[in-house]
Amino acid sequence: MRPLEGAVPSPNIWHHPETYELENRSVDPDGVIESAIREVLGGVGWSGRDVLDLGCGTGFHLPRWASQARRVYGVEPHPDLATLAARRTRRLANVSVLPGTAQRIPLPPASVDVVQARWAYFFGPGCEPGLHELDRVMRRGGTGFVIDNDASRSTFGSWFRRGYPSVDPVRVERFWSAQGWQRKALDIEWRFSTRAELESVVRIELSEAVAEQVLAEHEVTRVDYAVNLWWKGY
């Protein structure tokens, strides 16, 4: 089945869902991102709230949200991934997986308390249609979170700059600040069990040429990784 109209292609998970599953298990094993989200939410996290994972992929994070949230919505534009997410959460009564895009979220106005977009769609300039949709679906008092790469620092940041030289981290930061979002600069890491795991993930995130370059320079199975947690209160 074809992705929904308006979907922004994701070359990693769309074409390599099994390897991206490995990446999800290997990124941020210490839970730095989740701790930062909880801190922004006043320490109580998402308990009893209605949560939206926008661009949920195969639903990797949905069970974690569902363990405390009142209701969890996973929205995904790629039908095959949405099917996997629905299968993963089929026994969770408070989870719904819906076909949709960031530009057309299939939820009514003022229906969400917390939204997460983790490495999905909201990469800076050009994502304004999705931001307008967040304005529509978020409740007053709700909080939005966007997790994206900080290409200005860290080992992975230097790899990202090589792989995506057109992405200007200064321009991205100015964009989010102008939209009224605040930033938490976080230090996480990739932590793999084997060299083969690291290599497989690097090769879905970077072009063949850049992947071979960085792998030749990096001998260990851990990679320091800087991210930005952008957040906004509604």
C-alpha atoms as a PDB file:
ATOM      1  CA  MET A   1       0.000   0.000   0.000  1.00  0.00           C
ATOM      2  CA  ARG A   2       1.142   3.504  -0.773  1.00  0.00           C
ATOM      3  CA  PRO A   3       1.839   6.133   1.907  1.00  0.00           C
ATOM      4  CA  LEU A   4      -0.782   8.819   2.374  1.00  0.00           C
ATOM      5  CA  GLU A   5      -0.664  11.935   0.229  1.00  0.00           C
ATOM      6  CA  GLY A   6       1.551  14.575   1.805  1.00  0.00           C
ATOM      7  CA  ALA A   7       3.677  12.078   3.718  1.00  0.00           C
ATOM      8  CA  VAL A   8       7.336  13.049   3.989  1.00  0.00           C
ATOM      9  CA  PRO A   9       9.459   9.989   3.064  1.00  0.00           C
ATOM     10  CA  SER A  10      11.558   8.520   5.837  1.00  0.00           C
ATOM     11  CA  PRO A  11      14.334   6.526   4.145  1.00  0.00           C
ATOM     12  CA  ASN A  12      15.426   4.746   7.314  1.00  0.00           C
ATOM     13  CA  ILE A  13      12.295   3.200   8.831  1.00  0.00           C
ATOM     14  CA  TRP A  14      10.227   3.124   5.627  1.00  0.00           C
ATOM     15  CA  HIS A  15      12.749   0.881   3.884  1.00  0.00           C
ATOM     16  CA  HIS A  16      14.410  -0.836   6.842  1.00  0.00           C
ATOM     17  CA  PRO A  17      11.861  -1.301   9.662  1.00  0.00           C
ATOM     18  CA  GLU A  18      13.716  -4.222  11.231  1.00  0.00           C
ATOM     19  CA  THR A  19      16.983  -2.297  11.445  1.00  0.00           C
ATOM     20  CA  TYR A  20      15.166   0.775  12.729  1.00  0.00           C
ATOM     21  CA  GLU A  21      13.685  -1.402  15.465  1.00  0.00           C
ATOM     22  CA  LEU A  22      17.255  -2.195  16.490  1.00  0.00           C
ATOM     23  CA  GLU A  23      18.064   1.509  16.410  1.00  0.00           C
ATOM     24  CA  ASN A  24      15.108   2.273  18.672  1.00  0.00           C
ATOM     25  CA  ARG A  25      16.345  -0.296  21.177  1.00  0.00           C
ATOM     26  CA  SER A  26      19.881   1.101  21.063  1.00  0.00           C
ATOM     27  CA  VAL A  27      19.300   4.847  21.239  1.00  0.00           C
ATOM     28  CA  ASP A  28      19.147   6.608  24.608  1.00  0.00           C
ATOM     29  CA  PRO A  29      19.324   3.459  26.773  1.00  0.00           C
ATOM     30  CA  ASP A  30      19.556   5.628  29.903  1.00  0.00           C
ATOM     31  CA  GLY A  31      16.218   7.329  29.231  1.00  0.00           C
ATOM     32  CA  VAL A  32      17.561  10.874  29.077  1.00  0.00           C
ATOM     33  CA  ILE A  33      14.842  12.032  26.675  1.00  0.00           C
ATOM     34  CA  GLU A  34      12.017  10.573  28.750  1.00  0.00           C
ATOM     35  CA  SER A  35      13.422  12.136  31.921  1.00  0.00           C
ATOM     36  CA  ALA A  36      13.559  15.534  30.239  1.00  0.00           C
ATOM     37  CA  ILE A  37       9.955  15.195  29.049  1.00  0.00           C
ATOM     38  CA  ARG A  38       8.849  14.300  32.563  1.00  0.00           C
ATOM     39  CA  GLU A  39      10.688  17.318  33.929  1.00  0.00           C
ATOM     40  CA  VAL A  40       8.924  19.672  31.505  1.00  0.00           C
ATOM     41  CA  LEU A  41       5.604  18.085  32.485  1.00  0.00           C
ATOM     42  CA  GLY A  42       6.217  18.932  36.126  1.00  0.00           C
ATOM     43  CA  GLY A  43       7.545  15.549  37.158  1.00  0.00           C
ATOM     44  CA  VAL A  44       4.190  13.760  36.818  1.00  0.00           C
ATOM     45  CA  GLY A  45       4.769  12.765  33.218  1.00  0.00           C
ATOM     46  CA  TRP A  46       1.807  11.793  31.051  1.00  0.00           C
ATOM     47  CA  SER A  47      -0.166   9.953  33.718  1.00  0.00           C
ATOM     48  CA  GLY A  48      -3.913  10.284  33.072  1.00  0.00           C
ATOM     49  CA  ARG A  49      -3.414  12.378  29.940  1.00  0.00           C
ATOM     50  CA  ASP A  50      -4.323  11.896  26.288  1.00  0.00           C
ATOM     51  CA  VAL A  51      -1.116  11.422  24.308  1.00  0.00           C
ATOM     52  CA  LEU A  52      -0.379  11.590  20.581  1.00  0.00           C
ATOM     53  CA  ASP A  53       2.707   9.999  19.027  1.00  0.00           C
ATOM     54  CA  LEU A  54       2.863  11.740  15.658  1.00  0.00           C
ATOM     55  CA  GLY A  55       4.750   9.672  13.120  1.00  0.00           C
ATOM     56  CA  CYS A  56       4.675   6.622  15.390  1.00  0.00           C
ATOM     57  CA  GLY A  57       6.249   4.242  12.859  1.00  0.00           C
ATOM     58  CA  THR A  58       5.950   0.664  14.058  1.00  0.00           C
ATOM     59  CA  GLY A  59       4.620   1.859  17.416  1.00  0.00           C
ATOM     60  CA  PHE A  60       7.812   1.290  19.386  1.00  0.00           C
ATOM     61  CA  HIS A  61       6.959   3.973  21.976  1.00  0.00           C
ATOM     62  CA  LEU A  62       3.215   3.417  22.206  1.00  0.00           C
ATOM     63  CA  PRO A  63       3.237   0.750  24.951  1.00  0.00           C
ATOM     64  CA  ARG A  64       5.445   2.960  27.107  1.00  0.00           C
ATOM     65  CA  TRP A  65       3.021   5.877  26.805  1.00  0.00           C
ATOM     66  CA  ALA A  66       0.055   3.545  27.336  1.00  0.00           C
ATOM     67  CA  SER A  67       1.342   2.254  30.661  1.00  0.00           C
ATOM     68  CA  GLN A  68       0.328   5.535  32.311  1.00  0.00           C
ATOM     69  CA  ALA A  69      -1.669   7.625  29.845  1.00  0.00           C
ATOM     70  CA  ARG A  70      -5.456   7.737  29.746  1.00  0.00           C
ATOM     71  CA  ARG A  71      -5.511   7.406  25.974  1.00  0.00           C
ATOM     72  CA  VAL A  72      -2.747   7.043  23.365  1.00  0.00           C
ATOM     73  CA  TYR A  73      -3.039   7.797  19.665  1.00  0.00           C
ATOM     74  CA  GLY A  74      -0.401   6.716  17.188  1.00  0.00           C
ATOM     75  CA  VAL A  75      -0.654   8.493  13.841  1.00  0.00           C
ATOM     76  CA  GLU A  76       1.376   7.129  10.928  1.00  0.00           C
ATOM     77  CA  PRO A  77       1.230   7.869   7.165  1.00  0.00           C
ATOM     78  CA  HIS A  78       2.856   4.636   5.974  1.00  0.00           C
ATOM     79  CA  PRO A  79       0.219   1.849   5.902  1.00  0.00           C
ATOM     80  CA  ASP A  80       2.677  -1.009   6.398  1.00  0.00           C
ATOM     81  CA  LEU A  81       4.201   0.634   9.467  1.00  0.00           C
ATOM     82  CA  ALA A  82       0.765   1.518  10.833  1.00  0.00           C
ATOM     83  CA  THR A  83      -0.209  -2.153  10.498  1.00  0.00           C
ATOM     84  CA  LEU A  84       2.838  -3.173  12.513  1.00  0.00           C
ATOM     85  CA  ALA A  85       2.027  -0.551  15.162  1.00  0.00           C
ATOM     86  CA  ALA A  86      -1.568  -1.791  15.425  1.00  0.00           C
ATOM     87  CA  ARG A  87      -0.355  -5.371  15.756  1.00  0.00           C
ATOM     88  CA  ARG A  88       2.113  -4.378  18.469  1.00  0.00           C
ATOM     89  CA  THR A  89      -0.590  -2.664  20.539  1.00  0.00           C
ATOM     90  CA  ARG A  90      -3.583  -4.901  19.795  1.00  0.00           C
ATOM     91  CA  ARG A  91      -3.896  -5.973  23.433  1.00  0.00           C
ATOM     92  CA  LEU A  92      -3.728  -2.410  24.785  1.00  0.00           C
ATOM     93  CA  ALA A  93      -7.286  -1.140  25.137  1.00  0.00           C
ATOM     94  CA  ASN A  94      -6.249   2.499  25.509  1.00  0.00           C
ATOM     95  CA  VAL A  95      -4.224   2.672  22.264  1.00  0.00           C
ATOM     96  CA  SER A  96      -5.526   3.596  18.814  1.00  0.00           C
ATOM     97  CA  VAL A  97      -3.349   3.573  15.689  1.00  0.00           C
ATOM     98  CA  LEU A  98      -4.685   5.862  12.970  1.00  0.00           C
ATOM     99  CA  PRO A  99      -3.616   6.555   9.377  1.00  0.00           C
ATOM    100  CA  GLY A 100      -2.750  10.210   9.006  1.00  0.00           C
ATOM    101  CA  THR A 101      -0.105  12.849   8.447  1.00  0.00           C
ATOM    102  CA  ALA A 102       1.213  15.734  10.494  1.00  0.00           C
ATOM    103  CA  GLN A 103      -0.596  18.091   8.115  1.00  0.00           C
ATOM    104  CA  ARG A 104      -3.896  16.231   8.558  1.00  0.00           C
ATOM    105  CA  ILE A 105      -4.146  14.730  12.008  1.00  0.00           C
ATOM    106  CA  PRO A 106      -7.265  12.501  12.226  1.00  0.00           C
ATOM    107  CA  LEU A 107      -8.359  13.805  15.621  1.00  0.00           C
ATOM    108  CA  PRO A 108     -10.912  16.432  16.679  1.00  0.00           C
ATOM    109  CA  PRO A 109      -9.940  19.872  17.962  1.00  0.00           C
ATOM    110  CA  ALA A 110      -8.610  20.178  21.509  1.00  0.00           C
ATOM    111  CA  SER A 111      -8.302  16.411  22.008  1.00  0.00           C
ATOM    112  CA  VAL A 112      -4.651  15.957  23.037  1.00  0.00           C
ATOM    113  CA  ASP A 113      -2.699  16.861  26.184  1.00  0.00           C
ATOM    114  CA  VAL A 114       0.779  15.697  25.138  1.00  0.00           C
ATOM    115  CA  VAL A 115       2.235  15.190  21.670  1.00  0.00           C
ATOM    116  CA  GLN A 116       5.549  13.635  20.743  1.00  0.00           C
ATOM    117  CA  ALA A 117       7.199  13.793  17.316  1.00  0.00           C
ATOM    118  CA  ARG A 118      10.445  11.858  17.597  1.00  0.00           C
ATOM    119  CA  TRP A 119      12.640  12.205  14.529  1.00  0.00           C
ATOM    120  CA  ALA A 120       9.483  12.597  12.437  1.00  0.00           C
ATOM    121  CA  TYR A 121       8.428  15.398  10.045  1.00  0.00           C
ATOM    122  CA  PHE A 122       9.199  18.386  12.293  1.00  0.00           C
ATOM    123  CA  PHE A 123      12.739  19.150  11.168  1.00  0.00           C
ATOM    124  CA  GLY A 124      12.501  22.958  11.031  1.00  0.00           C
ATOM    125  CA  PRO A 125      11.559  25.273   8.147  1.00  0.00           C
ATOM    126  CA  GLY A 126       8.836  23.755   5.994  1.00  0.00           C
ATOM    127  CA  CYS A 127       6.903  22.046   8.787  1.00  0.00           C
ATOM    128  CA  GLU A 128       4.506  24.964   9.325  1.00  0.00           C
ATOM    129  CA  PRO A 129       1.407  23.017   8.112  1.00  0.00           C
ATOM    130  CA  GLY A 130       2.017  20.436  10.823  1.00  0.00           C
ATOM    131  CA  LEU A 131       2.462  23.130  13.434  1.00  0.00           C
ATOM    132  CA  HIS A 132      -0.901  24.609  12.450  1.00  0.00           C
ATOM    133  CA  GLU A 133      -2.470  21.184  12.995  1.00  0.00           C
ATOM    134  CA  LEU A 134      -0.899  20.980  16.446  1.00  0.00           C
ATOM    135  CA  ASP A 135      -2.511  24.325  17.244  1.00  0.00           C
ATOM    136  CA  ARG A 136      -5.841  22.711  16.370  1.00  0.00           C
ATOM    137  CA  VAL A 137      -5.611  19.391  18.234  1.00  0.00           C
ATOM    138  CA  MET A 138      -3.777  20.463  21.390  1.00  0.00           C
ATOM    139  CA  ARG A 139      -5.781  21.325  24.493  1.00  0.00           C
ATOM    140  CA  ARG A 140      -5.119  24.440  26.487  1.00  0.00           C
ATOM    141  CA  GLY A 141      -2.486  23.531  29.037  1.00  0.00           C
ATOM    142  CA  GLY A 142      -1.095  20.794  26.789  1.00  0.00           C
ATOM    143  CA  THR A 143       2.552  20.384  25.820  1.00  0.00           C
ATOM    144  CA  GLY A 144       4.199  19.513  22.530  1.00  0.00           C
ATOM    145  CA  PHE A 145       7.583  17.804  22.197  1.00  0.00           C
ATOM    146  CA  VAL A 146       9.792  17.479  19.137  1.00  0.00           C
ATOM    147  CA  ILE A 147      12.980  15.417  19.302  1.00  0.00           C
ATOM    148  CA  ASP A 148      15.557  16.061  16.587  1.00  0.00           C
ATOM    149  CA  ASN A 149      19.300  15.922  15.979  1.00  0.00           C
ATOM    150  CA  ASP A 150      21.596  18.669  17.231  1.00  0.00           C
ATOM    151  CA  ALA A 151      24.043  18.809  14.338  1.00  0.00           C
ATOM    152  CA  SER A 152      26.215  21.428  16.048  1.00  0.00           C
ATOM    153  CA  ARG A 153      27.986  18.993  18.390  1.00  0.00           C
ATOM    154  CA  SER A 154      28.735  15.359  19.340  1.00  0.00           C
ATOM    155  CA  THR A 155      30.162  12.522  17.282  1.00  0.00           C
ATOM    156  CA  PHE A 156      26.855  11.751  15.628  1.00  0.00           C
ATOM    157  CA  GLY A 157      26.318  15.468  15.027  1.00  0.00           C
ATOM    158  CA  SER A 158      29.530  15.574  13.002  1.00  0.00           C
ATOM    159  CA  TRP A 159      28.387  12.508  11.039  1.00  0.00           C
ATOM    160  CA  PHE A 160      25.021  14.137  10.406  1.00  0.00           C
ATOM    161  CA  ARG A 161      26.666  17.314   9.085  1.00  0.00           C
ATOM    162  CA  ARG A 162      28.650  15.215   6.628  1.00  0.00           C
ATOM    163  CA  GLY A 163      25.625  13.254   5.551  1.00  0.00           C
ATOM    164  CA  TYR A 164      23.225  16.205   5.349  1.00  0.00           C
ATOM    165  CA  PRO A 165      25.279  19.334   4.623  1.00  0.00           C
ATOM    166  CA  SER A 166      22.170  21.260   3.548  1.00  0.00           C
ATOM    167  CA  VAL A 167      20.783  21.168   7.110  1.00  0.00           C
ATOM    168  CA  ASP A 168      21.921  24.329   8.882  1.00  0.00           C
ATOM    169  CA  PRO A 169      21.633  23.845  12.674  1.00  0.00           C
ATOM    170  CA  VAL A 170      21.666  27.601  13.285  1.00  0.00           C
ATOM    171  CA  ARG A 171      18.770  28.121  10.870  1.00  0.00           C
ATOM    172  CA  VAL A 172      16.854  25.260  12.465  1.00  0.00           C
ATOM    173  CA  GLU A 173      17.336  26.717  15.952  1.00  0.00           C
ATOM    174  CA  ARG A 174      16.201  30.161  14.806  1.00  0.00           C
ATOM    175  CA  PHE A 175      13.113  28.645  13.228  1.00  0.00           C
ATOM    176  CA  TRP A 176      11.970  26.892  16.386  1.00  0.00           C
ATOM    177  CA  SER A 177      12.698  29.883  18.579  1.00  0.00           C
ATOM    178  CA  ALA A 178      10.692  32.118  16.237  1.00  0.00           C
ATOM    179  CA  GLN A 179       7.769  29.673  16.482  1.00  0.00           C
ATOM    180  CA  GLY A 180       7.739  30.039  20.268  1.00  0.00           C
ATOM    181  CA  TRP A 181       9.317  26.686  21.160  1.00  0.00           C
ATOM    182  CA  GLN A 182      11.912  26.246  23.877  1.00  0.00           C
ATOM    183  CA  ARG A 183      14.965  24.002  23.712  1.00  0.00           C
ATOM    184  CA  LYS A 184      16.560  21.497  26.028  1.00  0.00           C
ATOM    185  CA  ALA A 185      19.977  20.400  24.752  1.00  0.00           C
ATOM    186  CA  LEU A 186      20.406  16.736  25.668  1.00  0.00           C
ATOM    187  CA  ASP A 187      23.329  14.324  25.527  1.00  0.00           C
ATOM    188  CA  ILE A 188      22.360  10.752  24.780  1.00  0.00           C
ATOM    189  CA  GLU A 189      24.130   7.895  23.044  1.00  0.00           C
ATOM    190  CA  TRP A 190      23.776   4.970  20.726  1.00  0.00           C
ATOM    191  CA  ARG A 191      24.812   1.820  22.597  1.00  0.00           C
ATOM    192  CA  PHE A 192      25.072  -1.397  20.603  1.00  0.00           C
ATOM    193  CA  SER A 193      25.913  -4.938  21.656  1.00  0.00           C
ATOM    194  CA  THR A 194      27.991  -5.696  18.585  1.00  0.00           C
ATOM    195  CA  ARG A 195      29.897  -3.940  15.838  1.00  0.00           C
ATOM    196  CA  ALA A 196      27.551  -5.479  13.267  1.00  0.00           C
ATOM    197  CA  GLU A 197      24.570  -3.773  14.929  1.00  0.00           C
ATOM    198  CA  LEU A 198      26.290  -0.386  14.829  1.00  0.00           C
ATOM    199  CA  GLU A 199      27.221  -0.814  11.188  1.00  0.00           C
ATOM    200  CA  SER A 200      23.714  -1.817  10.139  1.00  0.00           C
ATOM    201  CA  VAL A 201      22.159   1.250  11.772  1.00  0.00           C
ATOM    202  CA  VAL A 202      24.760   3.689  10.443  1.00  0.00           C
ATOM    203  CA  ARG A 203      24.101   2.381   6.945  1.00  0.00           C
ATOM    204  CA  ILE A 204      20.373   3.211   7.064  1.00  0.00           C
ATOM    205  CA  GLU A 205      21.005   6.688   8.469  1.00  0.00           C
ATOM    206  CA  LEU A 206      23.749   7.887   6.118  1.00  0.00           C
ATOM    207  CA  SER A 207      24.632   7.522   2.460  1.00  0.00           C
ATOM    208  CA  GLU A 208      26.860   4.605   1.539  1.00  0.00           C
ATOM    209  CA  ALA A 209      29.914   6.814   1.058  1.00  0.00           C
ATOM    210  CA  VAL A 210      29.515   8.745   4.306  1.00  0.00           C
ATOM    211  CA  ALA A 211      28.659   5.599   6.260  1.00  0.00           C
ATOM    212  CA  GLU A 212      31.871   3.903   5.144  1.00  0.00           C
ATOM    213  CA  GLN A 213      33.890   7.000   6.058  1.00  0.00           C
ATOM    214  CA  VAL A 214      32.574   7.312   9.593  1.00  0.00           C
ATOM    215  CA  LEU A 215      32.720   3.583  10.267  1.00  0.00           C
ATOM    216  CA  ALA A 216      36.371   3.549   9.275  1.00  0.00           C
ATOM    217  CA  GLU A 217      37.018   6.267  11.868  1.00  0.00           C
ATOM    218  CA  HIS A 218      34.947   4.846  14.725  1.00  0.00           C
ATOM    219  CA  GLU A 219      36.068   1.573  16.291  1.00  0.00           C
ATOM    220  CA  VAL A 220      33.796   1.216  19.344  1.00  0.00           C
ATOM    221  CA  THR A 221      30.110   0.275  19.633  1.00  0.00           C
ATOM    222  CA  ARG A 222      28.976   3.417  21.479  1.00  0.00           C
ATOM    223  CA  VAL A 223      28.365   6.793  19.856  1.00  0.00           C
ATOM    224  CA  ASP A 224      27.836  10.048  21.752  1.00  0.00           C
ATOM    225  CA  TYR A 225      24.807  11.765  20.302  1.00  0.00           C
ATOM    226  CA  ALA A 226      23.464  15.291  20.876  1.00  0.00           C
ATOM    227  CA  VAL A 227      19.753  15.975  20.443  1.00  0.00           C
ATOM    228  CA  ASN A 228      17.437  18.910  20.863  1.00  0.00           C
ATOM    229  CA  LEU A 229      14.217  18.460  22.786  1.00  0.00           C
ATOM    230  CA  TRP A 230      12.004  21.269  21.540  1.00  0.00           C
ATOM    231  CA  TRP A 231       8.900  21.885  23.605  1.00  0.00           C
ATOM    232  CA  LYS A 232       5.979  24.284  23.710  1.00  0.00           C
ATOM    233  CA  GLY A 233       3.099  24.864  26.099  1.00  0.00           C
ATOM    234  CA  TYR A 234      -0.339  25.442  24.596  1.00  0.00           C
END
